[in-house]
Amino acid sequence: MYASWSSSAWGTFYGGDGNDLIEGGNTVSTNHEFGGAGDDYVFENQGGLTMQSHYIDGGPGRDALYGSNGSDTIFGGDGNESGASINAVGFGAAPGLYGYAGNDILDGGRGNHLIFGGDGNDITYRHR
């Protein structure tokens, strides 16, 4: 599945059991994105907006999940995010990055973040 939206869209978006590409735009409200089973790519691009938050859940599979400048909560789901990653970019204060089971790469970006690797061999990054 491929889903993309502009600044006027908001709400909850669900991927299917396959590999999904979910790409957010300059949203003006909170979005919730669920990748579902499969190897998913979820990307939030707020284009400099810093006041919005997102809830991103990759679900089972090997996912690449990218937050944006807002206060994002990102869950990797069960599965190896090895070679993929869970990222909070920009200056936002993410409530948390959660890797769960599997080998995960967790990149907190800049700002104040809580990073939980979960089970497995995880790699964490924090930028100043």
Protein backbone atom coordinates (compact mmCIF):
# COMPACT_ATOMS: atom_id res chain seq x y z
CA MET A 1 0.00 0.00 0.00
CA TYR A 2 1.12 3.56 -0.64
CA ALA A 3 -0.43 6.47 1.26
CA SER A 4 0.63 10.11 1.11
CA TRP A 5 -1.19 13.28 2.16
CA SER A 6 -0.84 17.04 2.20
CA SER A 7 -1.26 19.71 4.84
CA SER A 8 -5.04 19.40 4.95
CA ALA A 9 -5.13 15.71 5.92
CA TRP A 10 -5.18 14.28 9.42
CA GLY A 11 -6.33 11.13 11.11
CA THR A 12 -5.39 7.48 11.38
CA PHE A 13 -3.74 5.51 8.58
CA TYR A 14 -3.40 1.70 8.47
CA GLY A 15 -1.10 -0.36 6.29
CA GLY A 16 -1.95 -3.93 5.32
CA ASP A 17 -0.21 -7.26 5.76
CA GLY A 18 2.27 -6.55 2.96
CA ASN A 19 5.08 -4.03 2.62
CA ASP A 20 3.70 -0.50 2.99
CA LEU A 21 4.91 3.03 2.26
CA ILE A 22 3.16 5.65 4.40
CA GLU A 23 4.40 9.20 3.91
CA GLY A 24 3.03 12.16 5.86
CA GLY A 25 3.13 15.77 4.75
CA ASN A 26 2.95 19.14 6.49
CA THR A 27 0.13 18.04 8.74
CA VAL A 28 -1.62 20.53 10.97
CA SER A 29 -2.87 18.00 13.53
CA THR A 30 -1.90 14.74 15.17
CA ASN A 31 -1.64 11.67 12.95
CA HIS A 32 -1.50 8.00 13.86
CA GLU A 33 0.21 5.66 11.40
CA PHE A 34 0.17 1.85 11.70
CA GLY A 35 2.33 -0.10 9.26
CA GLY A 36 0.85 -3.53 9.97
CA ALA A 37 2.63 -6.80 9.21
CA GLY A 38 5.36 -6.68 6.57
CA ASP A 39 8.42 -4.54 5.93
CA ASP A 40 7.11 -1.00 6.16
CA TYR A 41 8.46 2.50 5.57
CA VAL A 42 6.70 5.27 7.52
CA PHE A 43 7.99 8.82 7.12
CA GLU A 44 6.67 12.05 8.65
CA ASN A 45 7.79 15.25 6.92
CA GLN A 46 6.52 18.34 8.68
CA GLY A 47 8.61 20.73 6.63
CA GLY A 48 9.74 22.74 9.64
CA LEU A 49 6.53 22.61 11.68
CA THR A 50 7.39 21.79 15.29
CA MET A 51 4.07 21.81 17.12
CA GLN A 52 2.53 18.51 16.03
CA SER A 53 2.95 15.02 17.39
CA HIS A 54 2.62 11.63 15.74
CA TYR A 55 2.10 8.07 16.89
CA ILE A 56 3.89 5.65 14.58
CA ASP A 57 3.69 1.86 15.00
CA GLY A 58 5.55 -0.29 12.50
CA GLY A 59 3.95 -3.58 13.55
CA PRO A 60 5.64 -6.94 12.93
CA GLY A 61 8.35 -6.97 10.29
CA ARG A 62 11.51 -5.12 9.37
CA ASP A 63 10.50 -1.46 9.34
CA ALA A 64 12.03 1.95 8.72
CA LEU A 65 10.15 4.50 10.84
CA TYR A 66 10.90 8.23 10.80
CA GLY A 67 9.33 10.86 13.02
CA SER A 68 9.61 14.59 12.52
CA ASN A 69 10.00 17.82 14.49
CA GLY A 70 7.05 17.28 16.82
CA SER A 71 6.68 15.21 19.95
CA ASP A 72 6.52 11.75 18.38
CA THR A 73 6.04 8.31 19.90
CA ILE A 74 7.48 5.57 17.69
CA PHE A 75 7.10 1.79 18.18
CA GLY A 76 9.19 -0.64 16.14
CA GLY A 77 7.04 -3.69 16.79
CA ASP A 78 8.24 -7.26 17.02
CA GLY A 79 10.78 -8.08 14.36
CA ASN A 80 14.29 -7.09 13.43
CA GLU A 81 14.65 -3.48 12.51
CA SER A 82 18.27 -4.39 11.79
CA GLY A 83 19.28 -2.65 8.61
CA ALA A 84 16.17 -0.53 8.98
CA SER A 85 15.75 1.99 11.75
CA ILE A 86 13.55 3.90 14.14
CA ASN A 87 14.30 7.62 14.03
CA ALA A 88 13.12 10.85 15.61
CA VAL A 89 14.59 13.72 13.61
CA GLY A 90 14.75 17.45 14.16
CA PHE A 91 14.54 19.20 17.50
CA GLY A 92 11.34 17.65 18.87
CA ALA A 93 11.06 16.15 22.32
CA ALA A 94 9.90 12.64 21.49
CA PRO A 95 8.09 10.91 24.34
CA GLY A 96 9.83 7.72 23.30
CA LEU A 97 11.36 5.35 20.80
CA TYR A 98 10.52 1.71 21.51
CA GLY A 99 12.38 -1.12 19.79
CA TYR A 100 10.67 -4.14 21.40
CA ALA A 101 11.91 -7.61 20.41
CA GLY A 102 14.57 -8.02 17.75
CA ASN A 103 17.77 -6.23 16.84
CA ASP A 104 16.98 -2.55 16.40
CA ILE A 105 18.72 0.65 15.39
CA LEU A 106 17.25 3.53 17.44
CA ASP A 107 18.24 7.09 16.54
CA GLY A 108 16.93 9.77 18.88
CA GLY A 109 17.93 12.70 16.70
CA ARG A 110 18.31 16.00 18.55
CA GLY A 111 16.28 16.99 21.58
CA ASN A 112 15.20 15.11 24.70
CA HIS A 113 14.17 11.51 24.04
CA LEU A 114 13.56 8.31 25.94
CA ILE A 115 14.91 5.30 24.07
CA PHE A 116 13.88 1.73 24.95
CA GLY A 117 15.67 -0.99 23.04
CA GLY A 118 13.75 -4.02 24.32
CA ASP A 119 14.97 -7.59 23.77
CA GLY A 120 17.73 -8.25 21.27
CA ASN A 121 20.99 -6.53 20.37
CA ASP A 122 20.19 -2.88 19.79
CA ILE A 123 22.17 0.15 18.63
CA THR A 124 21.19 3.57 19.96
CA TYR A 125 22.20 7.07 18.87
CA ARG A 126 21.66 10.50 20.34
CA HIS A 127 22.73 13.72 18.62
CA ARG A 128 23.51 17.02 20.31
